[in-house]
Amino acid sequence: MKPRTVKTRLSPAQRLVVVVMDILILAELTFCMYRGSAAPESMAAEFLRLYVPMLLVTVVAARLALRRLRSPEPDPEAAPESAAGAAAP
């Protein structure tokens, strides 16, 4: 299997989003386990009822933030024109 090459690394703002997302996911997990332990007979149902929506909101919000903070990609149409213009005499 060919290893994937990384074209761009995360910017500091994107790294911050990832760190905050990780902390939020751990906090959500802790909170949901705590709330679920209050009623041991329905712990699984209570945990899933609380954790899944919280997790989805956190992951979707982080993905949107990462997408918004990414650096602009170079225009693929501009590269061939500049290369063709440089090759012409």
PDB file of N, CA and C in Angstrom:
ATOM      1  N   MET A   1       0.843  -1.167   0.000  1.00  0.00           N
ATOM      2  CA  MET A   1       0.000   0.000   0.000  1.00  0.00           C
ATOM      3  C   MET A   1       0.897   1.242   0.000  1.00  0.00           C
ATOM      4  N   LYS A   2       0.588   2.176  -0.865  1.00  0.00           N
ATOM      5  CA  LYS A   2       1.380   3.391  -1.001  1.00  0.00           C
ATOM      6  C   LYS A   2       1.027   4.374   0.128  1.00  0.00           C
ATOM      7  N   PRO A   3       2.024   4.904   0.830  1.00  0.00           N
ATOM      8  CA  PRO A   3       1.712   5.853   1.903  1.00  0.00           C
ATOM      9  C   PRO A   3       1.176   7.161   1.330  1.00  0.00           C
ATOM     10  N   ARG A   4       0.253   7.738   2.038  1.00  0.00           N
ATOM     11  CA  ARG A   4      -0.356   8.989   1.618  1.00  0.00           C
ATOM     12  C   ARG A   4       0.555  10.155   1.986  1.00  0.00           C
ATOM     13  N   THR A   5       0.721  11.085   1.092  1.00  0.00           N
ATOM     14  CA  THR A   5       1.541  12.255   1.386  1.00  0.00           C
ATOM     15  C   THR A   5       0.640  13.397   1.826  1.00  0.00           C
ATOM     16  N   VAL A   6       1.111  14.147   2.781  1.00  0.00           N
ATOM     17  CA  VAL A   6       0.367  15.281   3.301  1.00  0.00           C
ATOM     18  C   VAL A   6       0.809  16.517   2.528  1.00  0.00           C
ATOM     19  N   LYS A   7      -0.147  17.176   1.880  1.00  0.00           N
ATOM     20  CA  LYS A   7       0.183  18.353   1.088  1.00  0.00           C
ATOM     21  C   LYS A   7       0.330  19.585   1.968  1.00  0.00           C
ATOM     22  N   THR A   8      -0.572  19.750   2.916  1.00  0.00           N
ATOM     23  CA  THR A   8      -0.500  20.896   3.811  1.00  0.00           C
ATOM     24  C   THR A   8      -0.705  20.419   5.238  1.00  0.00           C
ATOM     25  N   ARG A   9      -0.018  21.022   6.131  1.00  0.00           N
ATOM     26  CA  ARG A   9      -0.170  20.702   7.549  1.00  0.00           C
ATOM     27  C   ARG A   9      -1.233  21.618   8.151  1.00  0.00           C
ATOM     28  N   LEU A  10      -1.660  21.281   9.358  1.00  0.00           N
ATOM     29  CA  LEU A  10      -2.657  22.100  10.033  1.00  0.00           C
ATOM     30  C   LEU A  10      -2.048  23.417  10.487  1.00  0.00           C
ATOM     31  N   SER A  11      -2.814  24.469  10.339  1.00  0.00           N
ATOM     32  CA  SER A  11      -2.377  25.772  10.837  1.00  0.00           C
ATOM     33  C   SER A  11      -2.544  25.781  12.360  1.00  0.00           C
ATOM     34  N   PRO A  12      -1.951  26.743  13.045  1.00  0.00           N
ATOM     35  CA  PRO A  12      -2.129  26.807  14.507  1.00  0.00           C
ATOM     36  C   PRO A  12      -3.601  26.930  14.923  1.00  0.00           C
ATOM     37  N   ALA A  13      -4.383  27.667  14.164  1.00  0.00           N
ATOM     38  CA  ALA A  13      -5.809  27.799  14.499  1.00  0.00           C
ATOM     39  C   ALA A  13      -6.523  26.459  14.340  1.00  0.00           C
ATOM     40  N   GLN A  14      -6.180  25.702  13.310  1.00  0.00           N
ATOM     41  CA  GLN A  14      -6.784  24.391  13.114  1.00  0.00           C
ATOM     42  C   GLN A  14      -6.355  23.420  14.205  1.00  0.00           C
ATOM     43  N   ARG A  15      -5.102  23.508  14.613  1.00  0.00           N
ATOM     44  CA  ARG A  15      -4.641  22.656  15.721  1.00  0.00           C
ATOM     45  C   ARG A  15      -5.416  22.957  16.994  1.00  0.00           C
ATOM     46  N   LEU A  16      -5.678  24.233  17.235  1.00  0.00           N
ATOM     47  CA  LEU A  16      -6.445  24.627  18.416  1.00  0.00           C
ATOM     48  C   LEU A  16      -7.854  24.038  18.351  1.00  0.00           C
ATOM     49  N   VAL A  17      -8.467  24.053  17.180  1.00  0.00           N
ATOM     50  CA  VAL A  17      -9.802  23.474  17.019  1.00  0.00           C
ATOM     51  C   VAL A  17      -9.773  21.984  17.351  1.00  0.00           C
ATOM     52  N   VAL A  18      -8.751  21.277  16.892  1.00  0.00           N
ATOM     53  CA  VAL A  18      -8.645  19.838  17.156  1.00  0.00           C
ATOM     54  C   VAL A  18      -8.467  19.577  18.652  1.00  0.00           C
ATOM     55  N   VAL A  19      -7.631  20.358  19.311  1.00  0.00           N
ATOM     56  CA  VAL A  19      -7.406  20.184  20.753  1.00  0.00           C
ATOM     57  C   VAL A  19      -8.691  20.460  21.529  1.00  0.00           C
ATOM     58  N   VAL A  20      -9.385  21.539  21.177  1.00  0.00           N
ATOM     59  CA  VAL A  20     -10.634  21.869  21.866  1.00  0.00           C
ATOM     60  C   VAL A  20     -11.678  20.777  21.625  1.00  0.00           C
ATOM     61  N   MET A  21     -11.737  20.255  20.392  1.00  0.00           N
ATOM     62  CA  MET A  21     -12.681  19.180  20.100  1.00  0.00           C
ATOM     63  C   MET A  21     -12.378  17.951  20.960  1.00  0.00           C
ATOM     64  N   ASP A  22     -11.102  17.595  21.076  1.00  0.00           N
ATOM     65  CA  ASP A  22     -10.733  16.441  21.897  1.00  0.00           C
ATOM     66  C   ASP A  22     -11.132  16.639  23.354  1.00  0.00           C
ATOM     67  N   ILE A  23     -10.880  17.819  23.880  1.00  0.00           N
ATOM     68  CA  ILE A  23     -11.235  18.112  25.272  1.00  0.00           C
ATOM     69  C   ILE A  23     -12.748  18.064  25.454  1.00  0.00           C
ATOM     70  N   LEU A  24     -13.485  18.628  24.497  1.00  0.00           N
ATOM     71  CA  LEU A  24     -14.947  18.596  24.592  1.00  0.00           C
ATOM     72  C   LEU A  24     -15.488  17.169  24.551  1.00  0.00           C
ATOM     73  N   ILE A  25     -14.926  16.339  23.694  1.00  0.00           N
ATOM     74  CA  ILE A  25     -15.390  14.951  23.605  1.00  0.00           C
ATOM     75  C   ILE A  25     -15.132  14.216  24.919  1.00  0.00           C
ATOM     76  N   LEU A  26     -13.966  14.437  25.514  1.00  0.00           N
ATOM     77  CA  LEU A  26     -13.684  13.801  26.814  1.00  0.00           C
ATOM     78  C   LEU A  26     -14.615  14.330  27.903  1.00  0.00           C
ATOM     79  N   ALA A  27     -14.889  15.627  27.898  1.00  0.00           N
ATOM     80  CA  ALA A  27     -15.800  16.206  28.887  1.00  0.00           C
ATOM     81  C   ALA A  27     -17.218  15.670  28.692  1.00  0.00           C
ATOM     82  N   GLU A  28     -17.655  15.550  27.451  1.00  0.00           N
ATOM     83  CA  GLU A  28     -18.980  14.996  27.172  1.00  0.00           C
ATOM     84  C   GLU A  28     -19.074  13.549  27.635  1.00  0.00           C
ATOM     85  N   LEU A  29     -18.037  12.781  27.375  1.00  0.00           N
ATOM     86  CA  LEU A  29     -18.012  11.384  27.800  1.00  0.00           C
ATOM     87  C   LEU A  29     -18.103  11.286  29.320  1.00  0.00           C
ATOM     88  N   THR A  30     -17.326  12.103  30.015  1.00  0.00           N
ATOM     89  CA  THR A  30     -17.348  12.106  31.475  1.00  0.00           C
ATOM     90  C   THR A  30     -18.719  12.499  32.004  1.00  0.00           C
ATOM     91  N   PHE A  31     -19.297  13.560  31.433  1.00  0.00           N
ATOM     92  CA  PHE A  31     -20.605  14.031  31.872  1.00  0.00           C
ATOM     93  C   PHE A  31     -21.680  12.967  31.661  1.00  0.00           C
ATOM     94  N   CYS A  32     -21.651  12.329  30.496  1.00  0.00           N
ATOM     95  CA  CYS A  32     -22.677  11.324  30.190  1.00  0.00           C
ATOM     96  C   CYS A  32     -22.531  10.080  31.065  1.00  0.00           C
ATOM     97  N   MET A  33     -21.312   9.702  31.378  1.00  0.00           N
ATOM     98  CA  MET A  33     -21.098   8.574  32.295  1.00  0.00           C
ATOM     99  C   MET A  33     -21.604   8.929  33.698  1.00  0.00           C
ATOM    100  N   TYR A  34     -21.353  10.153  34.122  1.00  0.00           N
ATOM    101  CA  TYR A  34     -21.821  10.601  35.434  1.00  0.00           C
ATOM    102  C   TYR A  34     -23.350  10.597  35.496  1.00  0.00           C
ATOM    103  N   ARG A  35     -23.975  11.165  34.447  1.00  0.00           N
ATOM    104  CA  ARG A  35     -25.440  11.196  34.423  1.00  0.00           C
ATOM    105  C   ARG A  35     -26.029   9.789  34.329  1.00  0.00           C
ATOM    106  N   GLY A  36     -25.379   8.921  33.589  1.00  0.00           N
ATOM    107  CA  GLY A  36     -25.866   7.557  33.457  1.00  0.00           C
ATOM    108  C   GLY A  36     -25.726   6.758  34.738  1.00  0.00           C
ATOM    109  N   SER A  37     -24.732   7.074  35.542  1.00  0.00           N
ATOM    110  CA  SER A  37     -24.521   6.319  36.783  1.00  0.00           C
ATOM    111  C   SER A  37     -25.569   6.638  37.846  1.00  0.00           C
ATOM    112  N   ALA A  38     -26.329   7.691  37.667  1.00  0.00           N
ATOM    113  CA  ALA A  38     -27.376   8.036  38.630  1.00  0.00           C
ATOM    114  C   ALA A  38     -28.490   6.983  38.629  1.00  0.00           C
ATOM    115  N   ALA A  39     -28.725   6.368  37.485  1.00  0.00           N
ATOM    116  CA  ALA A  39     -29.750   5.323  37.378  1.00  0.00           C
ATOM    117  C   ALA A  39     -29.105   4.102  36.716  1.00  0.00           C
ATOM    118  N   PRO A  40     -28.474   3.220  37.517  1.00  0.00           N
ATOM    119  CA  PRO A  40     -27.734   2.088  36.940  1.00  0.00           C
ATOM    120  C   PRO A  40     -28.581   1.159  36.076  1.00  0.00           C
ATOM    121  N   GLU A  41     -29.867   1.042  36.350  1.00  0.00           N
ATOM    122  CA  GLU A  41     -30.707   0.124  35.573  1.00  0.00           C
ATOM    123  C   GLU A  41     -30.926   0.618  34.141  1.00  0.00           C
ATOM    124  N   SER A  42     -30.802   1.909  33.912  1.00  0.00           N
ATOM    125  CA  SER A  42     -30.980   2.446  32.561  1.00  0.00           C
ATOM    126  C   SER A  42     -29.761   3.245  32.108  1.00  0.00           C
ATOM    127  N   MET A  43     -28.595   2.833  32.598  1.00  0.00           N
ATOM    128  CA  MET A  43     -27.376   3.588  32.309  1.00  0.00           C
ATOM    129  C   MET A  43     -27.069   3.623  30.815  1.00  0.00           C
ATOM    130  N   ALA A  44     -27.173   2.481  30.137  1.00  0.00           N
ATOM    131  CA  ALA A  44     -26.830   2.427  28.715  1.00  0.00           C
ATOM    132  C   ALA A  44     -27.749   3.324  27.889  1.00  0.00           C
ATOM    133  N   ALA A  45     -29.027   3.252  28.156  1.00  0.00           N
ATOM    134  CA  ALA A  45     -29.980   4.069  27.399  1.00  0.00           C
ATOM    135  C   ALA A  45     -29.760   5.553  27.669  1.00  0.00           C
ATOM    136  N   GLU A  46     -29.553   5.891  28.921  1.00  0.00           N
ATOM    137  CA  GLU A  46     -29.321   7.300  29.288  1.00  0.00           C
ATOM    138  C   GLU A  46     -28.025   7.810  28.662  1.00  0.00           C
ATOM    139  N   PHE A  47     -26.988   6.993  28.709  1.00  0.00           N
ATOM    140  CA  PHE A  47     -25.697   7.378  28.134  1.00  0.00           C
ATOM    141  C   PHE A  47     -25.837   7.641  26.635  1.00  0.00           C
ATOM    142  N   LEU A  48     -26.444   6.715  25.918  1.00  0.00           N
ATOM    143  CA  LEU A  48     -26.592   6.871  24.472  1.00  0.00           C
ATOM    144  C   LEU A  48     -27.508   8.035  24.117  1.00  0.00           C
ATOM    145  N   ARG A  49     -28.546   8.223  24.887  1.00  0.00           N
ATOM    146  CA  ARG A  49     -29.484   9.318  24.627  1.00  0.00           C
ATOM    147  C   ARG A  49     -28.794  10.671  24.745  1.00  0.00           C
ATOM    148  N   LEU A  50     -27.848  10.784  25.672  1.00  0.00           N
ATOM    149  CA  LEU A  50     -27.139  12.046  25.868  1.00  0.00           C
ATOM    150  C   LEU A  50     -25.887  12.165  24.999  1.00  0.00           C
ATOM    151  N   TYR A  51     -25.095  11.106  24.931  1.00  0.00           N
ATOM    152  CA  TYR A  51     -23.766  11.192  24.324  1.00  0.00           C
ATOM    153  C   TYR A  51     -23.790  11.311  22.803  1.00  0.00           C
ATOM    154  N   VAL A  52     -24.615  10.532  22.146  1.00  0.00           N
ATOM    155  CA  VAL A  52     -24.606  10.520  20.680  1.00  0.00           C
ATOM    156  C   VAL A  52     -24.933  11.906  20.099  1.00  0.00           C
ATOM    157  N   PRO A  53     -25.994  12.573  20.531  1.00  0.00           N
ATOM    158  CA  PRO A  53     -26.248  13.907  19.970  1.00  0.00           C
ATOM    159  C   PRO A  53     -25.138  14.917  20.296  1.00  0.00           C
ATOM    160  N   MET A  54     -24.618  14.858  21.512  1.00  0.00           N
ATOM    161  CA  MET A  54     -23.543  15.786  21.889  1.00  0.00           C
ATOM    162  C   MET A  54     -22.299  15.544  21.035  1.00  0.00           C
ATOM    163  N   LEU A  55     -21.973  14.281  20.832  1.00  0.00           N
ATOM    164  CA  LEU A  55     -20.808  13.927  20.027  1.00  0.00           C
ATOM    165  C   LEU A  55     -20.981  14.389  18.587  1.00  0.00           C
ATOM    166  N   LEU A  56     -22.148  14.151  18.017  1.00  0.00           N
ATOM    167  CA  LEU A  56     -22.388  14.563  16.634  1.00  0.00           C
ATOM    168  C   LEU A  56     -22.270  16.071  16.460  1.00  0.00           C
ATOM    169  N   VAL A  57     -22.843  16.827  17.376  1.00  0.00           N
ATOM    170  CA  VAL A  57     -22.752  18.287  17.294  1.00  0.00           C
ATOM    171  C   VAL A  57     -21.298  18.738  17.401  1.00  0.00           C
ATOM    172  N   THR A  58     -20.545  18.154  18.302  1.00  0.00           N
ATOM    173  CA  THR A  58     -19.142  18.531  18.474  1.00  0.00           C
ATOM    174  C   THR A  58     -18.317  18.213  17.239  1.00  0.00           C
ATOM    175  N   VAL A  59     -18.479  17.030  16.687  1.00  0.00           N
ATOM    176  CA  VAL A  59     -17.681  16.627  15.525  1.00  0.00           C
ATOM    177  C   VAL A  59     -18.057  17.453  14.296  1.00  0.00           C
ATOM    178  N   VAL A  60     -19.348  17.672  14.081  1.00  0.00           N
ATOM    179  CA  VAL A  60     -19.768  18.469  12.924  1.00  0.00           C
ATOM    180  C   VAL A  60     -19.276  19.910  13.060  1.00  0.00           C
ATOM    181  N   ALA A  61     -19.395  20.489  14.248  1.00  0.00           N
ATOM    182  CA  ALA A  61     -18.929  21.859  14.452  1.00  0.00           C
ATOM    183  C   ALA A  61     -17.413  21.958  14.245  1.00  0.00           C
ATOM    184  N   ALA A  62     -16.674  20.975  14.710  1.00  0.00           N
ATOM    185  CA  ALA A  62     -15.216  20.991  14.533  1.00  0.00           C
ATOM    186  C   ALA A  62     -14.851  20.847  13.058  1.00  0.00           C
ATOM    187  N   ARG A  63     -15.538  19.982  12.348  1.00  0.00           N
ATOM    188  CA  ARG A  63     -15.252  19.828  10.907  1.00  0.00           C
ATOM    189  C   ARG A  63     -15.548  21.108  10.147  1.00  0.00           C
ATOM    190  N   LEU A  64     -16.660  21.766  10.489  1.00  0.00           N
ATOM    191  CA  LEU A  64     -16.977  23.039   9.837  1.00  0.00           C
ATOM    192  C   LEU A  64     -15.928  24.095  10.156  1.00  0.00           C
ATOM    193  N   ALA A  65     -15.481  24.137  11.407  1.00  0.00           N
ATOM    194  CA  ALA A  65     -14.453  25.106  11.789  1.00  0.00           C
ATOM    195  C   ALA A  65     -13.136  24.820  11.078  1.00  0.00           C
ATOM    196  N   LEU A  66     -12.767  23.550  10.986  1.00  0.00           N
ATOM    197  CA  LEU A  66     -11.529  23.196  10.280  1.00  0.00           C
ATOM    198  C   LEU A  66     -11.622  23.568   8.806  1.00  0.00           C
ATOM    199  N   ARG A  67     -12.758  23.326   8.211  1.00  0.00           N
ATOM    200  CA  ARG A  67     -12.942  23.653   6.796  1.00  0.00           C
ATOM    201  C   ARG A  67     -12.881  25.168   6.579  1.00  0.00           C
ATOM    202  N   ARG A  68     -13.461  25.915   7.507  1.00  0.00           N
ATOM    203  CA  ARG A  68     -13.464  27.378   7.385  1.00  0.00           C
ATOM    204  C   ARG A  68     -12.072  27.960   7.595  1.00  0.00           C
ATOM    205  N   LEU A  69     -11.265  27.331   8.441  1.00  0.00           N
ATOM    206  CA  LEU A  69      -9.940  27.850   8.765  1.00  0.00           C
ATOM    207  C   LEU A  69      -8.846  27.361   7.828  1.00  0.00           C
ATOM    208  N   ARG A  70      -9.153  26.463   6.907  1.00  0.00           N
ATOM    209  CA  ARG A  70      -8.092  25.947   6.047  1.00  0.00           C
ATOM    210  C   ARG A  70      -7.622  27.034   5.078  1.00  0.00           C
ATOM    211  N   SER A  71      -6.380  26.913   4.687  1.00  0.00           N
ATOM    212  CA  SER A  71      -5.802  27.894   3.786  1.00  0.00           C
ATOM    213  C   SER A  71      -6.390  27.717   2.399  1.00  0.00           C
ATOM    214  N   PRO A  72      -6.461  28.784   1.639  1.00  0.00           N
ATOM    215  CA  PRO A  72      -7.023  28.658   0.295  1.00  0.00           C
ATOM    216  C   PRO A  72      -6.142  27.781  -0.586  1.00  0.00           C
ATOM    217  N   GLU A  73      -6.797  26.952  -1.381  1.00  0.00           N
ATOM    218  CA  GLU A  73      -6.050  26.057  -2.270  1.00  0.00           C
ATOM    219  C   GLU A  73      -5.691  26.818  -3.540  1.00  0.00           C
ATOM    220  N   PRO A  74      -4.544  26.504  -4.120  1.00  0.00           N
ATOM    221  CA  PRO A  74      -4.171  27.190  -5.352  1.00  0.00           C
ATOM    222  C   PRO A  74      -5.142  26.850  -6.480  1.00  0.00           C
ATOM    223  N   ASP A  75      -5.352  27.803  -7.355  1.00  0.00           N
ATOM    224  CA  ASP A  75      -6.268  27.610  -8.470  1.00  0.00           C
ATOM    225  C   ASP A  75      -5.634  26.673  -9.491  1.00  0.00           C
ATOM    226  N   PRO A  76      -6.240  25.505  -9.753  1.00  0.00           N
ATOM    227  CA  PRO A  76      -5.615  24.547 -10.678  1.00  0.00           C
ATOM    228  C   PRO A  76      -5.566  25.065 -12.114  1.00  0.00           C
ATOM    229  N   GLU A  77      -6.467  25.967 -12.481  1.00  0.00           N
ATOM    230  CA  GLU A  77      -6.463  26.502 -13.833  1.00  0.00           C
ATOM    231  C   GLU A  77      -5.347  27.523 -14.037  1.00  0.00           C
ATOM    232  N   ALA A  78      -4.929  28.205 -12.991  1.00  0.00           N
ATOM    233  CA  ALA A  78      -3.904  29.232 -13.113  1.00  0.00           C
ATOM    234  C   ALA A  78      -2.525  28.621 -13.303  1.00  0.00           C
ATOM    235  N   ALA A  79      -2.279  27.441 -12.747  1.00  0.00           N
ATOM    236  CA  ALA A  79      -0.964  26.838 -12.836  1.00  0.00           C
ATOM    237  C   ALA A  79      -0.580  26.459 -14.267  1.00  0.00           C
ATOM    238  N   PRO A  80      -1.432  25.817 -15.055  1.00  0.00           N
ATOM    239  CA  PRO A  80      -1.041  25.474 -16.419  1.00  0.00           C
ATOM    240  C   PRO A  80      -0.814  26.701 -17.301  1.00  0.00           C
ATOM    241  N   GLU A  81      -1.608  27.765 -17.101  1.00  0.00           N
ATOM    242  CA  GLU A  81      -1.444  28.967 -17.903  1.00  0.00           C
ATOM    243  C   GLU A  81      -0.101  29.621 -17.650  1.00  0.00           C
ATOM    244  N   SER A  82       0.290  29.712 -16.380  1.00  0.00           N
ATOM    245  CA  SER A  82       1.566  30.345 -16.067  1.00  0.00           C
ATOM    246  C   SER A  82       2.714  29.502 -16.566  1.00  0.00           C
ATOM    247  N   ALA A  83       2.570  28.170 -16.520  1.00  0.00           N
ATOM    248  CA  ALA A  83       3.616  27.294 -17.028  1.00  0.00           C
ATOM    249  C   ALA A  83       3.686  27.384 -18.554  1.00  0.00           C
ATOM    250  N   ALA A  84       2.525  27.475 -19.204  1.00  0.00           N
ATOM    251  CA  ALA A  84       2.524  27.566 -20.680  1.00  0.00           C
ATOM    252  C   ALA A  84       3.065  28.910 -21.116  1.00  0.00           C
ATOM    253  N   GLY A  85       2.761  29.971 -20.359  1.00  0.00           N
ATOM    254  CA  GLY A  85       3.267  31.296 -20.705  1.00  0.00           C
ATOM    255  C   GLY A  85       4.762  31.396 -20.529  1.00  0.00           C
ATOM    256  N   ALA A  86       5.310  30.674 -19.556  1.00  0.00           N
ATOM    257  CA  ALA A  86       6.745  30.713 -19.319  1.00  0.00           C
ATOM    258  C   ALA A  86       7.494  29.922 -20.393  1.00  0.00           C
ATOM    259  N   ALA A  87       6.848  28.892 -20.973  1.00  0.00           N
ATOM    260  CA  ALA A  87       7.506  28.067 -21.971  1.00  0.00           C
ATOM    261  C   ALA A  87       7.497  28.733 -23.345  1.00  0.00           C
ATOM    262  N   ALA A  88       6.537  29.634 -23.587  1.00  0.00           N
ATOM    263  CA  ALA A  88       6.450  30.285 -24.887  1.00  0.00           C
ATOM    264  C   ALA A  88       7.544  31.345 -25.014  1.00  0.00           C
ATOM    265  N   PRO A  89       8.168  31.481 -26.205  1.00  0.00           N
ATOM    266  CA  PRO A  89       9.230  32.477 -26.390  1.00  0.00           C
ATOM    267  C   PRO A  89       8.710  33.878 -26.506  1.00  0.00           C
TER     268      PRO A  89
END
